Amino acid sequence: MASPTTTTPRGAVPPRPEPTHPCARCGAPVPLDVGLCERCNPLGLKDSASSQVHGTAFVAVALAIVILAVAGRLALAGVGPFPVTLTALVAEGDGLAITLAVTNDGAAAGRTTCRVYDPADRGGGRSSFVLSPEIGPGETVTFAKRVTEFGATPRDLAVECTGP
């Protein structure tokens, strides 16, 4: 007697394998609703909720921002204010050569950005920004810069310097 044979009916589709993703630790394939494979989680402990993961990330980012803010504050403490005097203004090529005397009234060395503008424009006109060299605490530094925003005709200009 011949052994019975099994046949697959025509047109039948073999079952599809369950979709998987890699285990979070070792990369072994695991079902979509599971985070760790049996080898990495032998006790079958429940995975972390997505709200726990997102909350932890949010706390880490907030803590990093606070640490950077405190570090920045400590790095800039004691710098400025920076009183400034426009000591000279002469035509130079297609612009003006300005000479500024800037004092650091603070207790730490620092640089400042000075805004040169036409006071007749009432703050709405052209401006030029000039970066000072490093100024020690209590020191006054005089330096010259060339600006082209106001043309080559000398005129009254105002300057204000702000801290870092």
N, C-alpha and C. Protein backbone atom coordinates (compact mmCIF):
# COMPACT_ATOMS: atom_id res chain seq x y z
N MET A 1 0.83 -1.15 0.00
CA MET A 1 0.00 0.00 0.00
C MET A 1 0.89 1.23 0.00
N ALA A 2 0.52 2.23 -0.70
CA ALA A 2 1.30 3.45 -0.84
C ALA A 2 0.97 4.40 0.30
N SER A 3 2.00 5.19 0.69
CA SER A 3 1.77 6.15 1.77
C SER A 3 0.91 7.30 1.27
N PRO A 4 0.10 7.84 2.18
CA PRO A 4 -0.76 8.93 1.73
C PRO A 4 0.08 10.19 1.43
N THR A 5 -0.32 10.92 0.45
CA THR A 5 0.38 12.15 0.07
C THR A 5 -0.51 13.33 0.42
N THR A 6 0.16 14.39 0.79
CA THR A 6 -0.59 15.62 1.07
C THR A 6 -0.30 16.61 -0.03
N THR A 7 -1.29 17.28 -0.44
CA THR A 7 -1.13 18.27 -1.50
C THR A 7 -1.75 19.58 -1.05
N THR A 8 -1.18 20.64 -1.55
CA THR A 8 -1.73 21.96 -1.27
C THR A 8 -2.71 22.28 -2.37
N PRO A 9 -3.92 22.69 -1.96
CA PRO A 9 -4.89 23.00 -3.01
C PRO A 9 -4.38 24.14 -3.89
N ARG A 10 -4.74 24.08 -5.15
CA ARG A 10 -4.33 25.12 -6.07
C ARG A 10 -4.95 26.45 -5.68
N GLY A 11 -4.13 27.54 -5.84
CA GLY A 11 -4.64 28.88 -5.55
C GLY A 11 -4.52 29.26 -4.09
N ALA A 12 -4.14 28.32 -3.22
CA ALA A 12 -4.01 28.65 -1.80
C ALA A 12 -2.72 29.45 -1.60
N VAL A 13 -2.81 30.47 -0.81
CA VAL A 13 -1.66 31.33 -0.53
C VAL A 13 -1.05 30.90 0.80
N PRO A 14 0.28 30.70 0.83
CA PRO A 14 0.88 30.31 2.10
C PRO A 14 0.76 31.47 3.09
N PRO A 15 0.67 31.17 4.38
CA PRO A 15 0.50 32.26 5.36
C PRO A 15 1.71 33.19 5.36
N ARG A 16 1.43 34.47 5.53
CA ARG A 16 2.49 35.47 5.57
C ARG A 16 3.13 35.47 6.95
N PRO A 17 4.45 35.69 7.00
CA PRO A 17 5.07 35.77 8.32
C PRO A 17 4.65 37.07 9.02
N GLU A 18 4.61 37.00 10.34
CA GLU A 18 4.22 38.17 11.13
C GLU A 18 5.27 39.27 10.96
N PRO A 19 4.86 40.56 10.79
CA PRO A 19 5.86 41.63 10.67
C PRO A 19 6.66 41.78 11.96
N THR A 20 7.92 42.08 11.81
CA THR A 20 8.81 42.20 12.97
C THR A 20 9.65 43.47 12.86
N HIS A 21 10.33 43.76 13.95
CA HIS A 21 11.33 44.83 13.99
C HIS A 21 12.47 44.32 14.85
N PRO A 22 13.64 44.98 14.80
CA PRO A 22 14.77 44.47 15.59
C PRO A 22 14.61 44.75 17.09
N CYS A 23 15.12 43.83 17.89
CA CYS A 23 15.16 43.99 19.34
C CYS A 23 15.95 45.25 19.67
N ALA A 24 15.52 46.00 20.67
CA ALA A 24 16.17 47.26 21.02
C ALA A 24 17.61 47.07 21.50
N ARG A 25 17.96 45.89 22.02
CA ARG A 25 19.32 45.66 22.52
C ARG A 25 20.19 44.89 21.55
N CYS A 26 19.71 43.76 21.05
CA CYS A 26 20.59 42.88 20.25
C CYS A 26 20.27 42.85 18.77
N GLY A 27 19.10 43.33 18.37
CA GLY A 27 18.75 43.37 16.95
C GLY A 27 18.02 42.13 16.44
N ALA A 28 17.75 41.15 17.30
CA ALA A 28 17.02 39.95 16.87
C ALA A 28 15.59 40.34 16.49
N PRO A 29 14.97 39.66 15.50
CA PRO A 29 13.61 40.02 15.12
C PRO A 29 12.60 39.71 16.23
N VAL A 30 11.74 40.67 16.54
CA VAL A 30 10.69 40.51 17.54
C VAL A 30 9.39 41.08 16.97
N PRO A 31 8.23 40.65 17.47
CA PRO A 31 6.96 41.20 16.99
C PRO A 31 6.88 42.72 17.23
N LEU A 32 6.02 43.37 16.48
CA LEU A 32 5.91 44.82 16.54
C LEU A 32 5.50 45.35 17.91
N ASP A 33 4.74 44.56 18.68
CA ASP A 33 4.27 45.04 19.97
C ASP A 33 5.22 44.71 21.13
N VAL A 34 6.42 44.22 20.81
CA VAL A 34 7.39 43.85 21.83
C VAL A 34 8.68 44.64 21.56
N GLY A 35 9.34 45.10 22.63
CA GLY A 35 10.57 45.87 22.46
C GLY A 35 11.83 45.05 22.56
N LEU A 36 11.82 44.00 23.40
CA LEU A 36 13.01 43.19 23.63
C LEU A 36 12.71 41.72 23.36
N CYS A 37 13.71 40.98 22.87
CA CYS A 37 13.54 39.55 22.61
C CYS A 37 13.59 38.76 23.92
N GLU A 38 13.33 37.46 23.85
CA GLU A 38 13.35 36.59 25.03
C GLU A 38 14.73 36.54 25.68
N ARG A 39 15.79 36.58 24.88
CA ARG A 39 17.14 36.52 25.42
C ARG A 39 17.48 37.80 26.21
N CYS A 40 17.03 38.95 25.74
CA CYS A 40 17.33 40.22 26.41
C CYS A 40 16.36 40.52 27.56
N ASN A 41 15.19 39.91 27.55
CA ASN A 41 14.18 40.13 28.59
C ASN A 41 13.62 38.78 29.02
N PRO A 42 14.44 37.95 29.70
CA PRO A 42 14.00 36.58 30.03
C PRO A 42 12.81 36.54 30.98
N LEU A 43 12.61 37.57 31.79
CA LEU A 43 11.50 37.55 32.74
C LEU A 43 10.21 38.08 32.14
N GLY A 44 10.27 38.59 30.91
CA GLY A 44 9.07 39.09 30.24
C GLY A 44 8.56 40.38 30.87
N LEU A 45 9.47 41.20 31.40
CA LEU A 45 9.06 42.45 32.03
C LEU A 45 8.45 43.38 30.99
N LYS A 46 7.51 44.21 31.44
CA LYS A 46 6.82 45.13 30.54
C LYS A 46 7.79 46.21 30.06
N ASP A 47 7.68 46.60 28.79
CA ASP A 47 8.52 47.66 28.22
C ASP A 47 8.11 49.02 28.77
N SER A 48 9.01 49.99 28.64
CA SER A 48 8.71 51.36 29.05
C SER A 48 7.63 51.94 28.14
N ALA A 49 6.76 52.72 28.73
CA ALA A 49 5.73 53.39 27.95
C ALA A 49 6.37 54.53 27.16
N SER A 50 5.78 54.85 26.02
CA SER A 50 6.35 55.93 25.21
C SER A 50 6.30 57.26 25.95
N SER A 51 5.32 57.46 26.83
CA SER A 51 5.27 58.71 27.60
C SER A 51 6.45 58.79 28.57
N GLN A 52 6.89 57.63 29.11
CA GLN A 52 8.06 57.63 29.98
C GLN A 52 9.32 58.00 29.20
N VAL A 53 9.45 57.44 28.01
CA VAL A 53 10.63 57.71 27.18
C VAL A 53 10.64 59.18 26.77
N HIS A 54 9.51 59.70 26.31
CA HIS A 54 9.45 61.09 25.88
C HIS A 54 9.63 62.04 27.07
N GLY A 55 9.09 61.69 28.21
CA GLY A 55 9.26 62.52 29.40
C GLY A 55 10.71 62.59 29.83
N THR A 56 11.40 61.47 29.77
CA THR A 56 12.82 61.44 30.12
C THR A 56 13.62 62.31 29.15
N ALA A 57 13.32 62.22 27.87
CA ALA A 57 14.02 63.04 26.88
C ALA A 57 13.74 64.52 27.12
N PHE A 58 12.49 64.88 27.43
CA PHE A 58 12.14 66.27 27.70
C PHE A 58 12.90 66.80 28.91
N VAL A 59 12.98 66.02 29.97
CA VAL A 59 13.70 66.44 31.17
C VAL A 59 15.18 66.63 30.86
N ALA A 60 15.76 65.74 30.07
CA ALA A 60 17.18 65.86 29.71
C ALA A 60 17.44 67.13 28.90
N VAL A 61 16.57 67.44 27.95
CA VAL A 61 16.74 68.66 27.15
C VAL A 61 16.57 69.89 28.02
N ALA A 62 15.56 69.92 28.88
CA ALA A 62 15.34 71.07 29.77
C ALA A 62 16.54 71.27 30.70
N LEU A 63 17.06 70.19 31.23
CA LEU A 63 18.23 70.27 32.11
C LEU A 63 19.45 70.81 31.35
N ALA A 64 19.65 70.37 30.12
CA ALA A 64 20.77 70.86 29.31
C ALA A 64 20.63 72.36 29.05
N ILE A 65 19.43 72.84 28.79
CA ILE A 65 19.20 74.27 28.56
C ILE A 65 19.53 75.07 29.82
N VAL A 66 19.09 74.59 30.96
CA VAL A 66 19.37 75.29 32.22
C VAL A 66 20.87 75.32 32.49
N ILE A 67 21.57 74.22 32.27
CA ILE A 67 23.02 74.17 32.49
C ILE A 67 23.73 75.15 31.56
N LEU A 68 23.33 75.20 30.29
CA LEU A 68 23.95 76.14 29.35
C LEU A 68 23.67 77.59 29.74
N ALA A 69 22.47 77.88 30.21
CA ALA A 69 22.14 79.25 30.62
C ALA A 69 22.99 79.67 31.82
N VAL A 70 23.14 78.79 32.79
CA VAL A 70 23.96 79.11 33.97
C VAL A 70 25.42 79.28 33.56
N ALA A 71 25.94 78.39 32.71
CA ALA A 71 27.32 78.50 32.25
C ALA A 71 27.55 79.80 31.48
N GLY A 72 26.60 80.17 30.64
CA GLY A 72 26.71 81.43 29.90
C GLY A 72 26.69 82.63 30.82
N ARG A 73 25.84 82.59 31.81
CA ARG A 73 25.75 83.70 32.76
C ARG A 73 27.06 83.85 33.54
N LEU A 74 27.62 82.72 33.97
CA LEU A 74 28.89 82.76 34.71
C LEU A 74 30.03 83.25 33.82
N ALA A 75 30.01 82.88 32.54
CA ALA A 75 31.08 83.28 31.63
C ALA A 75 31.03 84.77 31.33
N LEU A 76 29.84 85.37 31.36
CA LEU A 76 29.70 86.78 31.00
C LEU A 76 29.53 87.70 32.21
N ALA A 77 29.55 87.17 33.39
CA ALA A 77 29.34 87.99 34.58
C ALA A 77 30.49 88.98 34.75
N GLY A 78 30.14 90.21 35.07
CA GLY A 78 31.13 91.22 35.36
C GLY A 78 31.67 91.96 34.16
N VAL A 79 31.16 91.68 32.95
CA VAL A 79 31.63 92.35 31.75
C VAL A 79 30.72 93.54 31.45
N GLY A 80 31.32 94.71 31.23
CA GLY A 80 30.56 95.91 30.86
C GLY A 80 29.96 96.57 32.07
N PRO A 81 29.29 97.69 31.93
CA PRO A 81 28.90 98.39 30.70
C PRO A 81 30.09 99.03 29.99
N PHE A 82 29.84 99.50 28.75
CA PHE A 82 30.89 100.01 27.89
C PHE A 82 30.57 101.43 27.42
N PRO A 83 30.93 102.47 28.20
CA PRO A 83 30.77 103.83 27.70
C PRO A 83 31.71 104.05 26.50
N VAL A 84 31.25 104.81 25.50
CA VAL A 84 32.03 105.01 24.28
C VAL A 84 32.04 106.48 23.89
N THR A 85 33.15 106.89 23.26
CA THR A 85 33.29 108.23 22.73
C THR A 85 33.79 108.12 21.30
N LEU A 86 33.15 108.84 20.38
CA LEU A 86 33.60 108.93 19.00
C LEU A 86 34.65 110.03 18.96
N THR A 87 35.94 109.66 18.80
CA THR A 87 37.02 110.64 18.91
C THR A 87 37.44 111.23 17.57
N ALA A 88 37.24 110.52 16.47
CA ALA A 88 37.63 111.05 15.16
C ALA A 88 36.76 110.45 14.08
N LEU A 89 36.54 111.25 13.01
CA LEU A 89 35.73 110.82 11.88
C LEU A 89 36.29 111.51 10.65
N VAL A 90 36.88 110.75 9.73
CA VAL A 90 37.46 111.33 8.51
C VAL A 90 37.06 110.49 7.31
N ALA A 91 36.99 111.15 6.15
CA ALA A 91 36.68 110.44 4.90
C ALA A 91 37.86 109.56 4.53
N GLU A 92 37.53 108.34 4.07
CA GLU A 92 38.56 107.40 3.64
C GLU A 92 38.00 106.57 2.50
N GLY A 93 38.42 106.87 1.28
CA GLY A 93 37.93 106.14 0.11
C GLY A 93 36.44 106.36 -0.06
N ASP A 94 35.67 105.25 -0.14
CA ASP A 94 34.22 105.36 -0.30
C ASP A 94 33.48 105.27 1.04
N GLY A 95 34.19 105.46 2.13
CA GLY A 95 33.56 105.38 3.46
C GLY A 95 34.16 106.37 4.43
N LEU A 96 33.97 106.07 5.70
CA LEU A 96 34.46 106.93 6.78
C LEU A 96 35.33 106.10 7.71
N ALA A 97 36.43 106.69 8.13
CA ALA A 97 37.28 106.06 9.15
C ALA A 97 36.86 106.66 10.48
N ILE A 98 36.36 105.82 11.38
CA ILE A 98 35.92 106.31 12.69
C ILE A 98 36.88 105.78 13.75
N THR A 99 37.14 106.59 14.74
CA THR A 99 37.98 106.18 15.86
C THR A 99 37.13 106.24 17.12
N LEU A 100 37.08 105.11 17.84
CA LEU A 100 36.26 105.00 19.04
C LEU A 100 37.15 104.77 20.26
N ALA A 101 36.78 105.37 21.37
CA ALA A 101 37.43 105.11 22.66
C ALA A 101 36.38 104.44 23.54
N VAL A 102 36.59 103.16 23.85
CA VAL A 102 35.61 102.38 24.60
C VAL A 102 36.22 101.98 25.95
N THR A 103 35.45 102.15 27.02
CA THR A 103 35.89 101.80 28.36
C THR A 103 35.07 100.62 28.86
N ASN A 104 35.72 99.67 29.52
CA ASN A 104 35.03 98.55 30.15
C ASN A 104 34.90 98.88 31.64
N ASP A 105 33.70 99.24 32.06
CA ASP A 105 33.46 99.56 33.46
C ASP A 105 33.19 98.33 34.33
N GLY A 106 33.31 97.15 33.75
CA GLY A 106 33.04 95.92 34.49
C GLY A 106 34.26 95.40 35.21
N ALA A 107 34.09 94.23 35.84
CA ALA A 107 35.15 93.61 36.62
C ALA A 107 35.85 92.48 35.87
N ALA A 108 35.44 92.22 34.61
CA ALA A 108 36.04 91.15 33.82
C ALA A 108 36.30 91.65 32.41
N ALA A 109 37.29 91.06 31.75
CA ALA A 109 37.62 91.45 30.37
C ALA A 109 36.52 90.99 29.43
N GLY A 110 36.36 91.72 28.34
CA GLY A 110 35.35 91.35 27.37
C GLY A 110 35.42 92.21 26.13
N ARG A 111 34.58 91.86 25.15
CA ARG A 111 34.43 92.60 23.91
C ARG A 111 33.03 93.17 23.87
N THR A 112 32.84 94.16 23.03
CA THR A 112 31.52 94.74 22.88
C THR A 112 31.24 95.00 21.41
N THR A 113 29.98 95.10 21.08
CA THR A 113 29.55 95.46 19.74
C THR A 113 29.01 96.88 19.81
N CYS A 114 29.56 97.75 18.98
CA CYS A 114 29.14 99.15 18.96
C CYS A 114 28.31 99.41 17.71
N ARG A 115 27.20 100.09 17.90
CA ARG A 115 26.33 100.48 16.79
C ARG A 115 26.58 101.94 16.47
N VAL A 116 26.97 102.20 15.21
CA VAL A 116 27.19 103.56 14.72
C VAL A 116 25.98 103.91 13.88
N TYR A 117 25.37 105.08 14.15
CA TYR A 117 24.16 105.47 13.43
C TYR A 117 24.06 106.98 13.33
N ASP A 118 23.18 107.43 12.44
CA ASP A 118 22.94 108.86 12.27
C ASP A 118 21.80 109.23 13.22
N PRO A 119 22.05 110.11 14.21
CA PRO A 119 20.99 110.44 15.17
C PRO A 119 19.81 111.16 14.53
N ALA A 120 20.00 111.76 13.36
CA ALA A 120 18.89 112.43 12.67
C ALA A 120 17.88 111.43 12.14
N ASP A 121 18.27 110.18 11.96
CA ASP A 121 17.36 109.15 11.45
C ASP A 121 16.44 108.60 12.53
N ARG A 122 16.64 108.98 13.76
CA ARG A 122 15.83 108.55 14.91
C ARG A 122 15.73 107.03 15.02
N GLY A 123 16.84 106.37 14.80
CA GLY A 123 16.90 104.92 14.99
C GLY A 123 16.36 104.10 13.84
N GLY A 124 15.79 104.73 12.82
CA GLY A 124 15.20 103.95 11.72
C GLY A 124 16.05 103.90 10.47
N GLY A 125 17.19 104.57 10.47
CA GLY A 125 18.02 104.62 9.27
C GLY A 125 19.09 103.57 9.26
N ARG A 126 20.11 103.86 8.47
CA ARG A 126 21.23 102.93 8.34
C ARG A 126 22.06 102.89 9.62
N SER A 127 22.62 101.72 9.86
CA SER A 127 23.51 101.52 11.01
C SER A 127 24.70 100.70 10.56
N SER A 128 25.78 100.85 11.29
CA SER A 128 26.95 100.02 11.08
C SER A 128 27.33 99.42 12.43
N PHE A 129 27.70 98.17 12.44
CA PHE A 129 28.07 97.49 13.68
C PHE A 129 29.56 97.19 13.67
N VAL A 130 30.23 97.52 14.76
CA VAL A 130 31.68 97.40 14.87
C VAL A 130 31.99 96.59 16.13
N LEU A 131 32.85 95.60 16.00
CA LEU A 131 33.27 94.78 17.14
C LEU A 131 34.57 95.33 17.69
N SER A 132 34.60 95.54 18.99
CA SER A 132 35.80 96.08 19.63
C SER A 132 36.82 94.98 19.87
N PRO A 133 38.08 95.35 20.08
CA PRO A 133 39.04 94.36 20.56
C PRO A 133 38.73 94.05 22.03
N GLU A 134 39.39 93.06 22.59
CA GLU A 134 39.16 92.72 24.00
C GLU A 134 39.62 93.89 24.88
N ILE A 135 38.77 94.21 25.85
CA ILE A 135 39.05 95.33 26.76
C ILE A 135 39.10 94.78 28.17
N GLY A 136 40.18 95.02 28.86
CA GLY A 136 40.35 94.55 30.24
C GLY A 136 39.46 95.34 31.19
N PRO A 137 39.24 94.83 32.39
CA PRO A 137 38.39 95.53 33.36
C PRO A 137 38.98 96.89 33.73
N GLY A 138 38.16 97.93 33.64
CA GLY A 138 38.60 99.28 33.98
C GLY A 138 39.48 99.94 32.94
N GLU A 139 39.76 99.27 31.82
CA GLU A 139 40.62 99.83 30.78
C GLU A 139 39.81 100.56 29.72
N THR A 140 40.50 101.47 29.01
CA THR A 140 39.93 102.15 27.85
C THR A 140 40.79 101.80 26.65
N VAL A 141 40.15 101.37 25.57
CA VAL A 141 40.85 101.01 24.34
C VAL A 141 40.38 101.94 23.24
N THR A 142 41.30 102.47 22.48
CA THR A 142 40.97 103.31 21.33
C THR A 142 41.32 102.51 20.08
N PHE A 143 40.37 102.43 19.14
CA PHE A 143 40.60 101.68 17.91
C PHE A 143 39.86 102.36 16.77
N ALA A 144 40.33 102.11 15.54
CA ALA A 144 39.73 102.71 14.35
C ALA A 144 39.14 101.62 13.47
N LYS A 145 38.02 101.93 12.85
CA LYS A 145 37.36 101.03 11.91
C LYS A 145 36.86 101.85 10.73
N ARG A 146 36.70 101.21 9.60
CA ARG A 146 36.18 101.86 8.40
C ARG A 146 34.76 101.39 8.17
N VAL A 147 33.84 102.34 7.98
CA VAL A 147 32.44 102.01 7.70
C VAL A 147 32.04 102.64 6.38
N THR A 148 31.24 101.94 5.61
CA THR A 148 30.83 102.43 4.29
C THR A 148 29.33 102.72 4.21
N GLU A 149 28.57 102.44 5.25
CA GLU A 149 27.12 102.60 5.21
C GLU A 149 26.66 104.05 5.09
N PHE A 150 27.52 105.02 5.43
CA PHE A 150 27.11 106.43 5.46
C PHE A 150 27.75 107.25 4.35
N GLY A 151 28.40 106.61 3.39
CA GLY A 151 29.06 107.33 2.32
C GLY A 151 30.40 107.86 2.78
N ALA A 152 30.97 108.79 1.97
CA ALA A 152 32.31 109.30 2.26
C ALA A 152 32.29 110.73 2.78
N THR A 153 31.12 111.31 3.01
CA THR A 153 31.03 112.67 3.51
C THR A 153 30.93 112.66 5.03
N PRO A 154 31.90 113.27 5.72
CA PRO A 154 31.81 113.30 7.18
C PRO A 154 30.56 114.03 7.66
N ARG A 155 29.92 113.49 8.68
CA ARG A 155 28.72 114.09 9.27
C ARG A 155 28.60 113.64 10.71
N ASP A 156 27.66 114.21 11.43
CA ASP A 156 27.46 113.84 12.82
C ASP A 156 26.94 112.40 12.91
N LEU A 157 27.61 111.59 13.68
CA LEU A 157 27.19 110.22 13.92
C LEU A 157 27.17 109.97 15.42
N ALA A 158 26.34 109.04 15.84
CA ALA A 158 26.25 108.67 17.25
C ALA A 158 26.68 107.20 17.38
N VAL A 159 27.17 106.84 18.56
CA VAL A 159 27.65 105.47 18.80
C VAL A 159 27.12 105.02 20.16
N GLU A 160 26.71 103.77 20.21
CA GLU A 160 26.35 103.13 21.49
C GLU A 160 26.91 101.72 21.47
N CYS A 161 27.48 101.31 22.60
CA CYS A 161 28.07 99.99 22.72
C CYS A 161 27.28 99.19 23.76
N THR A 162 27.02 97.94 23.44
CA THR A 162 26.27 97.07 24.35
C THR A 162 27.18 95.96 24.83
N GLY A 163 26.83 95.40 25.97
CA GLY A 163 27.59 94.29 26.53
C GLY A 163 27.39 93.04 25.71
N PRO A 164 28.05 91.96 26.10
CA PRO A 164 27.99 90.72 25.35
C PRO A 164 26.62 90.08 25.33
